[in-house]
Amino acid sequence: MKELPNPTFPLSPVAPALPRGSLHRRDAAGHEAVPAAGRGGIQVAWAQHHDEVREAQRLRYDIFAGEMGARLSTPVAGHDIDLFDDFCEHLIVRDEASRQVIGTYRVLTPAQARRIGSTYSDTEFDLTRLRGLRSRMVELGRSCVHPEHRHGGVIMALWGALADFMVRNQLDTMIGCASIPMLHNGVVSGDAAASIWAQLKESHLAPIDYHVLPRLPLPVERLDGTLPVEPPALIKGYLRLGAKVLGAPAWDPDFNSADLPMLMRIADLPARYRKHFLGA
């Protein structure tokens, strides 16, 4: 297996140059320790080799292209790959029995965002108002779970590992684009996304200090925003964790989705989740 390269990870003034992998907890022998216990026969860990990242990229392709109908431009057939992947840490969940990758997130740290020049979210939104948060802000992206494993255990294992990662590396803010499929009841339409935005801007909109603007806005004013639809499960999970919506959705024609900009802060975790993830 080919190990991942070693870009630096300066995450804070007290840790100016950390090699890839040093952000993750190690056992006495120097091997990566599992950062969160799995439930129901699952294991969660950070990718240490290119072939592990490729497994995550294959799962992403199957879900984004096969299930959601995304049009992906990729250098490797059957894999979802973009220019941000080489700069990210990749969190993967495996089925303990089959060793199949059944869930993944990728994480772009502040140092790596500086190296590449932006976050993925910067390509969809003007994030000017978040500039004061960037030094301790990570971007979460490409979240997906195999359709046969979409239960609470996989998501909780992912979030537990992410919370551990954030606290150990003195990071406090997470951002990302949460996707709403344009396909609703068999019809490609933005009505469901417009309706979810209409609901969430009344209940979960961030303070104006953190509002961002979509570069390619979903034309919500020309859509039916009155449908009685619920947000996707992942967005509902974010909201339970104290996440806020930062503004109106962007339209992502390649992924056949509307993307909501979202922000979560460790300080905003409800008490029961703080105890579950952080033991505090």
C-alpha atoms as a PDB file:
ATOM      1  CA  MET A   1       0.000   0.000   0.000  1.00  0.00           C
ATOM      2  CA  LYS A   2       1.246   3.459  -0.812  1.00  0.00           C
ATOM      3  CA  GLU A   3       1.166   5.751   2.187  1.00  0.00           C
ATOM      4  CA  LEU A   4      -0.304   9.205   1.863  1.00  0.00           C
ATOM      5  CA  PRO A   5       2.126  12.082   1.303  1.00  0.00           C
ATOM      6  CA  ASN A   6       3.166  14.323   4.166  1.00  0.00           C
ATOM      7  CA  PRO A   7       1.873  17.847   3.711  1.00  0.00           C
ATOM      8  CA  THR A   8       2.116  19.914   6.869  1.00  0.00           C
ATOM      9  CA  PHE A   9      -0.752  20.554   9.227  1.00  0.00           C
ATOM     10  CA  PRO A  10      -0.112  23.774  11.175  1.00  0.00           C
ATOM     11  CA  LEU A  11      -3.339  23.922  13.129  1.00  0.00           C
ATOM     12  CA  SER A  12      -2.557  26.473  15.779  1.00  0.00           C
ATOM     13  CA  PRO A  13       0.292  28.716  16.954  1.00  0.00           C
ATOM     14  CA  VAL A  14       1.475  25.974  19.292  1.00  0.00           C
ATOM     15  CA  ALA A  15       1.654  23.336  16.529  1.00  0.00           C
ATOM     16  CA  PRO A  16       3.198  25.049  13.505  1.00  0.00           C
ATOM     17  CA  ALA A  17       4.131  21.985  11.451  1.00  0.00           C
ATOM     18  CA  LEU A  18       2.593  18.557  11.913  1.00  0.00           C
ATOM     19  CA  PRO A  19       2.943  15.780   9.328  1.00  0.00           C
ATOM     20  CA  ARG A  20      -0.139  14.112   7.894  1.00  0.00           C
ATOM     21  CA  GLY A  21      -1.368  11.497  10.316  1.00  0.00           C
ATOM     22  CA  SER A  22       0.051  13.219  13.409  1.00  0.00           C
ATOM     23  CA  LEU A  23      -3.363  14.722  14.078  1.00  0.00           C
ATOM     24  CA  HIS A  24      -4.697  11.281  14.873  1.00  0.00           C
ATOM     25  CA  ARG A  25      -4.358   9.419  18.123  1.00  0.00           C
ATOM     26  CA  ARG A  26      -1.672   6.699  18.172  1.00  0.00           C
ATOM     27  CA  ASP A  27      -1.168   3.673  20.358  1.00  0.00           C
ATOM     28  CA  ALA A  28       2.090   2.799  22.178  1.00  0.00           C
ATOM     29  CA  ALA A  29       3.453   1.065  19.071  1.00  0.00           C
ATOM     30  CA  GLY A  30       2.828   4.133  16.925  1.00  0.00           C
ATOM     31  CA  HIS A  31      -0.174   2.720  15.071  1.00  0.00           C
ATOM     32  CA  GLU A  32      -3.284   4.786  14.555  1.00  0.00           C
ATOM     33  CA  ALA A  33      -5.846   4.190  17.269  1.00  0.00           C
ATOM     34  CA  VAL A  34      -9.499   4.008  16.343  1.00  0.00           C
ATOM     35  CA  PRO A  35     -10.831   7.455  17.294  1.00  0.00           C
ATOM     36  CA  ALA A  36     -14.376   6.364  17.998  1.00  0.00           C
ATOM     37  CA  ALA A  37     -15.894   3.039  18.886  1.00  0.00           C
ATOM     38  CA  GLY A  38     -18.206   1.591  16.291  1.00  0.00           C
ATOM     39  CA  ARG A  39     -21.579   0.091  17.037  1.00  0.00           C
ATOM     40  CA  GLY A  40     -23.277  -2.839  15.389  1.00  0.00           C
ATOM     41  CA  GLY A  41     -20.109  -4.303  13.902  1.00  0.00           C
ATOM     42  CA  ILE A  42     -18.601  -1.159  12.389  1.00  0.00           C
ATOM     43  CA  GLN A  43     -15.158   0.418  12.651  1.00  0.00           C
ATOM     44  CA  VAL A  44     -14.198   4.041  12.072  1.00  0.00           C
ATOM     45  CA  ALA A  45     -10.683   5.291  11.304  1.00  0.00           C
ATOM     46  CA  TRP A  46      -8.762   7.889   9.321  1.00  0.00           C
ATOM     47  CA  ALA A  47      -7.360   6.814   5.961  1.00  0.00           C
ATOM     48  CA  GLN A  48      -3.607   6.266   6.061  1.00  0.00           C
ATOM     49  CA  HIS A  49      -3.016   4.999   2.513  1.00  0.00           C
ATOM     50  CA  HIS A  50      -4.065   5.957  -1.010  1.00  0.00           C
ATOM     51  CA  ASP A  51      -5.940   2.703  -1.504  1.00  0.00           C
ATOM     52  CA  GLU A  52      -8.144   3.535   1.477  1.00  0.00           C
ATOM     53  CA  VAL A  53      -8.957   6.922  -0.030  1.00  0.00           C
ATOM     54  CA  ARG A  54      -9.759   5.164  -3.318  1.00  0.00           C
ATOM     55  CA  GLU A  55     -12.267   2.968  -1.468  1.00  0.00           C
ATOM     56  CA  ALA A  56     -13.981   6.067  -0.111  1.00  0.00           C
ATOM     57  CA  GLN A  57     -13.975   7.648  -3.569  1.00  0.00           C
ATOM     58  CA  ARG A  58     -15.627   4.557  -5.042  1.00  0.00           C
ATOM     59  CA  LEU A  59     -18.393   4.719  -2.441  1.00  0.00           C
ATOM     60  CA  ARG A  60     -18.853   8.416  -3.188  1.00  0.00           C
ATOM     61  CA  TYR A  61     -19.125   7.716  -6.911  1.00  0.00           C
ATOM     62  CA  ASP A  62     -21.690   4.954  -6.404  1.00  0.00           C
ATOM     63  CA  ILE A  63     -23.895   7.244  -4.325  1.00  0.00           C
ATOM     64  CA  PHE A  64     -23.420  10.596  -6.061  1.00  0.00           C
ATOM     65  CA  ALA A  65     -23.421   9.352  -9.657  1.00  0.00           C
ATOM     66  CA  GLY A  66     -25.397   6.124  -9.353  1.00  0.00           C
ATOM     67  CA  GLU A  67     -27.995   7.192  -6.804  1.00  0.00           C
ATOM     68  CA  MET A  68     -28.225  10.974  -7.194  1.00  0.00           C
ATOM     69  CA  GLY A  69     -27.454  11.257 -10.905  1.00  0.00           C
ATOM     70  CA  ALA A  70     -24.451  13.565 -10.506  1.00  0.00           C
ATOM     71  CA  ARG A  71     -22.353  14.298 -13.591  1.00  0.00           C
ATOM     72  CA  LEU A  72     -18.816  13.737 -12.364  1.00  0.00           C
ATOM     73  CA  SER A  73     -15.632  14.626 -14.201  1.00  0.00           C
ATOM     74  CA  THR A  74     -13.069  12.226 -12.789  1.00  0.00           C
ATOM     75  CA  PRO A  75      -9.565  11.094 -13.754  1.00  0.00           C
ATOM     76  CA  VAL A  76     -10.285   7.534 -12.555  1.00  0.00           C
ATOM     77  CA  ALA A  77     -13.387   5.736 -13.805  1.00  0.00           C
ATOM     78  CA  GLY A  78     -15.855   4.790 -11.097  1.00  0.00           C
ATOM     79  CA  HIS A  79     -14.356   7.167  -8.511  1.00  0.00           C
ATOM     80  CA  ASP A  80     -15.462  10.608  -7.333  1.00  0.00           C
ATOM     81  CA  ILE A  81     -12.221  12.612  -7.280  1.00  0.00           C
ATOM     82  CA  ASP A  82     -11.627  16.350  -7.238  1.00  0.00           C
ATOM     83  CA  LEU A  83      -8.687  18.666  -6.623  1.00  0.00           C
ATOM     84  CA  PHE A  84      -9.472  19.010  -2.898  1.00  0.00           C
ATOM     85  CA  ASP A  85      -9.084  15.304  -2.100  1.00  0.00           C
ATOM     86  CA  ASP A  86      -5.287  15.326  -1.928  1.00  0.00           C
ATOM     87  CA  PHE A  87      -5.415  18.089   0.689  1.00  0.00           C
ATOM     88  CA  CYS A  88      -8.030  16.449   2.914  1.00  0.00           C
ATOM     89  CA  GLU A  89      -8.078  13.929   5.713  1.00  0.00           C
ATOM     90  CA  HIS A  90     -10.522  11.114   4.904  1.00  0.00           C
ATOM     91  CA  LEU A  91     -12.605   9.513   7.644  1.00  0.00           C
ATOM     92  CA  ILE A  92     -13.969   6.091   6.737  1.00  0.00           C
ATOM     93  CA  VAL A  93     -16.356   3.625   8.356  1.00  0.00           C
ATOM     94  CA  ARG A  94     -16.083  -0.080   7.566  1.00  0.00           C
ATOM     95  CA  ASP A  95     -18.377  -3.014   8.067  1.00  0.00           C
ATOM     96  CA  GLU A  96     -16.407  -5.103  10.545  1.00  0.00           C
ATOM     97  CA  ALA A  97     -17.257  -8.422   8.927  1.00  0.00           C
ATOM     98  CA  SER A  98     -16.836  -7.607   5.220  1.00  0.00           C
ATOM     99  CA  ARG A  99     -14.258  -4.771   5.600  1.00  0.00           C
ATOM    100  CA  GLN A 100     -16.312  -2.808   3.050  1.00  0.00           C
ATOM    101  CA  VAL A 101     -16.230   0.985   3.343  1.00  0.00           C
ATOM    102  CA  ILE A 102     -19.807   1.954   4.171  1.00  0.00           C
ATOM    103  CA  GLY A 103     -19.437   5.603   5.139  1.00  0.00           C
ATOM    104  CA  THR A 104     -17.061   8.506   4.663  1.00  0.00           C
ATOM    105  CA  TYR A 105     -16.378  12.176   5.316  1.00  0.00           C
ATOM    106  CA  ARG A 106     -13.496  14.280   4.165  1.00  0.00           C
ATOM    107  CA  VAL A 107     -12.051  17.057   6.312  1.00  0.00           C
ATOM    108  CA  LEU A 108     -10.143  20.092   5.069  1.00  0.00           C
ATOM    109  CA  THR A 109      -8.172  21.756   7.876  1.00  0.00           C
ATOM    110  CA  PRO A 110      -7.321  25.473   8.018  1.00  0.00           C
ATOM    111  CA  ALA A 111      -3.685  24.856   7.075  1.00  0.00           C
ATOM    112  CA  GLN A 112      -4.606  22.718   4.093  1.00  0.00           C
ATOM    113  CA  ALA A 113      -7.218  25.242   2.962  1.00  0.00           C
ATOM    114  CA  ARG A 114      -4.458  27.849   2.922  1.00  0.00           C
ATOM    115  CA  ARG A 115      -2.228  25.552   0.902  1.00  0.00           C
ATOM    116  CA  ILE A 116      -4.833  24.955  -1.803  1.00  0.00           C
ATOM    117  CA  GLY A 117      -6.131  28.525  -1.650  1.00  0.00           C
ATOM    118  CA  SER A 118      -9.765  27.955  -0.655  1.00  0.00           C
ATOM    119  CA  THR A 119     -12.338  25.514   0.615  1.00  0.00           C
ATOM    120  CA  TYR A 120     -14.830  23.706  -1.599  1.00  0.00           C
ATOM    121  CA  SER A 121     -17.524  25.902  -0.048  1.00  0.00           C
ATOM    122  CA  ASP A 122     -15.694  28.972  -1.369  1.00  0.00           C
ATOM    123  CA  THR A 123     -16.455  27.749  -4.890  1.00  0.00           C
ATOM    124  CA  GLU A 124     -20.189  27.820  -4.173  1.00  0.00           C
ATOM    125  CA  PHE A 125     -20.507  30.748  -1.764  1.00  0.00           C
ATOM    126  CA  ASP A 126     -18.919  34.090  -0.936  1.00  0.00           C
ATOM    127  CA  LEU A 127     -17.621  33.347   2.566  1.00  0.00           C
ATOM    128  CA  THR A 128     -16.270  36.828   3.306  1.00  0.00           C
ATOM    129  CA  ARG A 129     -18.152  37.088   6.591  1.00  0.00           C
ATOM    130  CA  LEU A 130     -16.505  33.919   7.903  1.00  0.00           C
ATOM    131  CA  ARG A 131     -12.958  35.276   7.582  1.00  0.00           C
ATOM    132  CA  GLY A 132     -12.675  35.735  11.347  1.00  0.00           C
ATOM    133  CA  LEU A 133     -13.397  32.031  11.899  1.00  0.00           C
ATOM    134  CA  ARG A 134     -11.019  30.515   9.345  1.00  0.00           C
ATOM    135  CA  SER A 135      -8.001  29.966  11.581  1.00  0.00           C
ATOM    136  CA  ARG A 136      -9.950  27.390  13.635  1.00  0.00           C
ATOM    137  CA  MET A 137     -12.471  26.270  11.023  1.00  0.00           C
ATOM    138  CA  VAL A 138     -12.543  22.964   9.163  1.00  0.00           C
ATOM    139  CA  GLU A 139     -14.666  22.098   6.164  1.00  0.00           C
ATOM    140  CA  LEU A 140     -16.634  18.849   6.106  1.00  0.00           C
ATOM    141  CA  GLY A 141     -17.548  17.455   2.728  1.00  0.00           C
ATOM    142  CA  ARG A 142     -18.453  14.511   0.516  1.00  0.00           C
ATOM    143  CA  SER A 143     -20.438  12.889   3.307  1.00  0.00           C
ATOM    144  CA  CYS A 144     -22.145   9.668   2.283  1.00  0.00           C
ATOM    145  CA  VAL A 145     -23.301   6.359   3.745  1.00  0.00           C
ATOM    146  CA  HIS A 146     -24.014   3.124   1.890  1.00  0.00           C
ATOM    147  CA  PRO A 147     -27.800   2.711   1.426  1.00  0.00           C
ATOM    148  CA  GLU A 148     -27.839  -0.566   3.379  1.00  0.00           C
ATOM    149  CA  HIS A 149     -26.246   1.093   6.412  1.00  0.00           C
ATOM    150  CA  ARG A 150     -28.162   4.346   6.813  1.00  0.00           C
ATOM    151  CA  HIS A 151     -28.866   3.995  10.480  1.00  0.00           C
ATOM    152  CA  GLY A 152     -27.823   6.019  13.466  1.00  0.00           C
ATOM    153  CA  GLY A 153     -24.779   3.911  14.320  1.00  0.00           C
ATOM    154  CA  VAL A 154     -22.742   4.881  11.251  1.00  0.00           C
ATOM    155  CA  ILE A 155     -23.533   8.585  11.522  1.00  0.00           C
ATOM    156  CA  MET A 156     -22.870   8.666  15.262  1.00  0.00           C
ATOM    157  CA  ALA A 157     -19.524   6.916  14.764  1.00  0.00           C
ATOM    158  CA  LEU A 158     -18.519   9.480  12.141  1.00  0.00           C
ATOM    159  CA  TRP A 159     -19.585  12.406  14.291  1.00  0.00           C
ATOM    160  CA  GLY A 160     -17.882  10.992  17.358  1.00  0.00           C
ATOM    161  CA  ALA A 161     -14.575  10.752  15.471  1.00  0.00           C
ATOM    162  CA  LEU A 162     -15.014  14.271  14.092  1.00  0.00           C
ATOM    163  CA  ALA A 163     -15.734  15.729  17.535  1.00  0.00           C
ATOM    164  CA  ASP A 164     -12.638  14.009  18.941  1.00  0.00           C
ATOM    165  CA  PHE A 165     -10.541  15.350  16.037  1.00  0.00           C
ATOM    166  CA  MET A 166     -11.809  18.903  16.547  1.00  0.00           C
ATOM    167  CA  VAL A 167     -11.180  19.066  20.284  1.00  0.00           C
ATOM    168  CA  ARG A 168      -7.733  17.416  20.199  1.00  0.00           C
ATOM    169  CA  ASN A 169      -6.535  19.801  17.495  1.00  0.00           C
ATOM    170  CA  GLN A 170      -7.976  22.986  19.056  1.00  0.00           C
ATOM    171  CA  LEU A 171     -10.485  23.587  16.279  1.00  0.00           C
ATOM    172  CA  ASP A 172     -13.939  24.895  17.060  1.00  0.00           C
ATOM    173  CA  THR A 173     -15.953  25.478  13.866  1.00  0.00           C
ATOM    174  CA  MET A 174     -17.183  23.229  11.056  1.00  0.00           C
ATOM    175  CA  ILE A 175     -18.682  24.376   7.785  1.00  0.00           C
ATOM    176  CA  GLY A 176     -19.964  22.546   4.754  1.00  0.00           C
ATOM    177  CA  CYS A 177     -22.460  22.396   1.924  1.00  0.00           C
ATOM    178  CA  ALA A 178     -25.433  20.185   2.825  1.00  0.00           C
ATOM    179  CA  SER A 179     -27.087  18.843  -0.313  1.00  0.00           C
ATOM    180  CA  ILE A 180     -30.798  18.604  -1.062  1.00  0.00           C
ATOM    181  CA  PRO A 181     -31.507  16.414  -4.118  1.00  0.00           C
ATOM    182  CA  MET A 182     -33.287  18.177  -6.971  1.00  0.00           C
ATOM    183  CA  LEU A 183     -35.119  14.924  -7.712  1.00  0.00           C
ATOM    184  CA  HIS A 184     -38.352  14.911  -5.673  1.00  0.00           C
ATOM    185  CA  ASN A 185     -41.145  12.384  -6.167  1.00  0.00           C
ATOM    186  CA  GLY A 186     -39.628  11.364  -9.470  1.00  0.00           C
ATOM    187  CA  VAL A 187     -39.502  14.919 -10.825  1.00  0.00           C
ATOM    188  CA  VAL A 188     -36.413  17.112 -11.122  1.00  0.00           C
ATOM    189  CA  SER A 189     -37.416  20.349  -9.437  1.00  0.00           C
ATOM    190  CA  GLY A 190     -36.096  22.868  -6.959  1.00  0.00           C
ATOM    191  CA  ASP A 191     -39.417  23.094  -5.140  1.00  0.00           C
ATOM    192  CA  ALA A 192     -38.365  20.761  -2.315  1.00  0.00           C
ATOM    193  CA  ALA A 193     -35.148  22.703  -1.721  1.00  0.00           C
ATOM    194  CA  ALA A 194     -37.022  26.016  -1.805  1.00  0.00           C
ATOM    195  CA  SER A 195     -39.495  24.663   0.736  1.00  0.00           C
ATOM    196  CA  ILE A 196     -36.785  23.396   3.080  1.00  0.00           C
ATOM    197  CA  TRP A 197     -35.001  26.750   2.847  1.00  0.00           C
ATOM    198  CA  ALA A 198     -38.272  28.537   3.659  1.00  0.00           C
ATOM    199  CA  GLN A 199     -38.643  26.422   6.801  1.00  0.00           C
ATOM    200  CA  LEU A 200     -35.062  26.670   8.014  1.00  0.00           C
ATOM    201  CA  LYS A 201     -34.613  30.390   7.508  1.00  0.00           C
ATOM    202  CA  GLU A 202     -37.408  30.858  10.043  1.00  0.00           C
ATOM    203  CA  SER A 203     -36.047  28.398  12.599  1.00  0.00           C
ATOM    204  CA  HIS A 204     -32.297  27.867  12.132  1.00  0.00           C
ATOM    205  CA  LEU A 205     -30.809  30.906  10.384  1.00  0.00           C
ATOM    206  CA  ALA A 206     -27.439  32.068  11.699  1.00  0.00           C
ATOM    207  CA  PRO A 207     -26.913  35.657  12.884  1.00  0.00           C
ATOM    208  CA  ILE A 208     -26.421  38.102  10.016  1.00  0.00           C
ATOM    209  CA  ASP A 209     -22.719  38.411  10.916  1.00  0.00           C
ATOM    210  CA  TYR A 210     -22.208  34.943   9.390  1.00  0.00           C
ATOM    211  CA  HIS A 211     -24.461  35.144   6.330  1.00  0.00           C
ATOM    212  CA  VAL A 212     -22.952  34.043   3.018  1.00  0.00           C
ATOM    213  CA  LEU A 213     -24.085  34.543  -0.579  1.00  0.00           C
ATOM    214  CA  PRO A 214     -24.440  31.785  -3.207  1.00  0.00           C
ATOM    215  CA  ARG A 215     -22.417  32.270  -6.382  1.00  0.00           C
ATOM    216  CA  LEU A 216     -25.083  30.452  -8.429  1.00  0.00           C
ATOM    217  CA  PRO A 217     -28.288  30.952  -6.429  1.00  0.00           C
ATOM    218  CA  LEU A 218     -31.160  28.525  -6.618  1.00  0.00           C
ATOM    219  CA  PRO A 219     -33.985  30.765  -7.927  1.00  0.00           C
ATOM    220  CA  VAL A 220     -36.164  30.218  -4.860  1.00  0.00           C
ATOM    221  CA  GLU A 221     -38.393  33.185  -5.689  1.00  0.00           C
ATOM    222  CA  ARG A 222     -39.566  31.361  -8.829  1.00  0.00           C
ATOM    223  CA  LEU A 223     -40.169  28.039  -7.080  1.00  0.00           C
ATOM    224  CA  ASP A 224     -42.916  26.645  -4.878  1.00  0.00           C
ATOM    225  CA  GLY A 225     -41.609  27.017  -1.344  1.00  0.00           C
ATOM    226  CA  THR A 226     -44.744  25.751   0.389  1.00  0.00           C
ATOM    227  CA  LEU A 227     -44.332  21.976   0.063  1.00  0.00           C
ATOM    228  CA  PRO A 228     -44.672  20.016   3.347  1.00  0.00           C
ATOM    229  CA  VAL A 229     -41.295  18.309   2.968  1.00  0.00           C
ATOM    230  CA  GLU A 230     -38.731  17.454   5.612  1.00  0.00           C
ATOM    231  CA  PRO A 231     -35.009  18.164   5.281  1.00  0.00           C
ATOM    232  CA  PRO A 232     -32.770  15.193   4.385  1.00  0.00           C
ATOM    233  CA  ALA A 233     -31.703  13.073   7.356  1.00  0.00           C
ATOM    234  CA  LEU A 234     -28.163  14.471   7.364  1.00  0.00           C
ATOM    235  CA  ILE A 235     -29.402  18.070   7.576  1.00  0.00           C
ATOM    236  CA  LYS A 236     -31.802  17.147  10.374  1.00  0.00           C
ATOM    237  CA  GLY A 237     -28.886  15.545  12.191  1.00  0.00           C
ATOM    238  CA  TYR A 238     -26.803  18.705  11.828  1.00  0.00           C
ATOM    239  CA  LEU A 239     -29.643  20.797  13.193  1.00  0.00           C
ATOM    240  CA  ARG A 240     -29.959  18.542  16.250  1.00  0.00           C
ATOM    241  CA  LEU A 241     -26.254  19.167  16.861  1.00  0.00           C
ATOM    242  CA  GLY A 242     -26.847  22.920  16.954  1.00  0.00           C
ATOM    243  CA  ALA A 243     -25.953  23.767  13.346  1.00  0.00           C
ATOM    244  CA  LYS A 244     -27.136  26.961  11.685  1.00  0.00           C
ATOM    245  CA  VAL A 245     -27.946  27.736   8.064  1.00  0.00           C
ATOM    246  CA  LEU A 246     -25.818  30.581   6.703  1.00  0.00           C
ATOM    247  CA  GLY A 247     -28.018  31.680   3.825  1.00  0.00           C
ATOM    248  CA  ALA A 248     -29.996  30.729   0.748  1.00  0.00           C
ATOM    249  CA  PRO A 249     -29.090  27.600  -1.233  1.00  0.00           C
ATOM    250  CA  ALA A 250     -26.752  27.465  -4.190  1.00  0.00           C
ATOM    251  CA  TRP A 251     -27.601  25.397  -7.236  1.00  0.00           C
ATOM    252  CA  ASP A 252     -25.075  22.688  -8.100  1.00  0.00           C
ATOM    253  CA  PRO A 253     -26.014  21.427 -11.580  1.00  0.00           C
ATOM    254  CA  ASP A 254     -23.216  18.843 -11.674  1.00  0.00           C
ATOM    255  CA  PHE A 255     -24.408  17.124  -8.503  1.00  0.00           C
ATOM    256  CA  ASN A 256     -28.079  17.617  -9.369  1.00  0.00           C
ATOM    257  CA  SER A 257     -28.631  19.252  -5.985  1.00  0.00           C
ATOM    258  CA  ALA A 258     -29.276  22.442  -4.088  1.00  0.00           C
ATOM    259  CA  ASP A 259     -26.631  23.102  -1.441  1.00  0.00           C
ATOM    260  CA  LEU A 260     -27.307  24.808   1.875  1.00  0.00           C
ATOM    261  CA  PRO A 261     -24.341  26.482   3.589  1.00  0.00           C
ATOM    262  CA  MET A 262     -24.180  25.268   7.178  1.00  0.00           C
ATOM    263  CA  LEU A 263     -22.046  25.999  10.226  1.00  0.00           C
ATOM    264  CA  MET A 264     -21.577  24.027  13.437  1.00  0.00           C
ATOM    265  CA  ARG A 265     -19.552  25.139  16.446  1.00  0.00           C
ATOM    266  CA  ILE A 266     -18.333  22.871  19.228  1.00  0.00           C
ATOM    267  CA  ALA A 267     -19.546  25.428  21.781  1.00  0.00           C
ATOM    268  CA  ASP A 268     -23.098  25.105  20.413  1.00  0.00           C
ATOM    269  CA  LEU A 269     -23.370  21.335  20.887  1.00  0.00           C
ATOM    270  CA  PRO A 270     -26.401  20.584  23.081  1.00  0.00           C
ATOM    271  CA  ALA A 271     -25.482  19.207  26.489  1.00  0.00           C
ATOM    272  CA  ARG A 272     -26.510  15.618  25.741  1.00  0.00           C
ATOM    273  CA  TYR A 273     -24.330  15.504  22.621  1.00  0.00           C
ATOM    274  CA  ARG A 274     -21.410  17.131  24.420  1.00  0.00           C
ATOM    275  CA  LYS A 275     -21.591  14.339  26.979  1.00  0.00           C
ATOM    276  CA  HIS A 276     -21.964  11.643  24.314  1.00  0.00           C
ATOM    277  CA  PHE A 277     -19.136  12.825  22.038  1.00  0.00           C
ATOM    278  CA  LEU A 278     -16.809  14.631  24.428  1.00  0.00           C
ATOM    279  CA  GLY A 279     -17.631  13.170  27.830  1.00  0.00           C
ATOM    280  CA  ALA A 280     -18.166  16.714  29.117  1.00  0.00           C
END
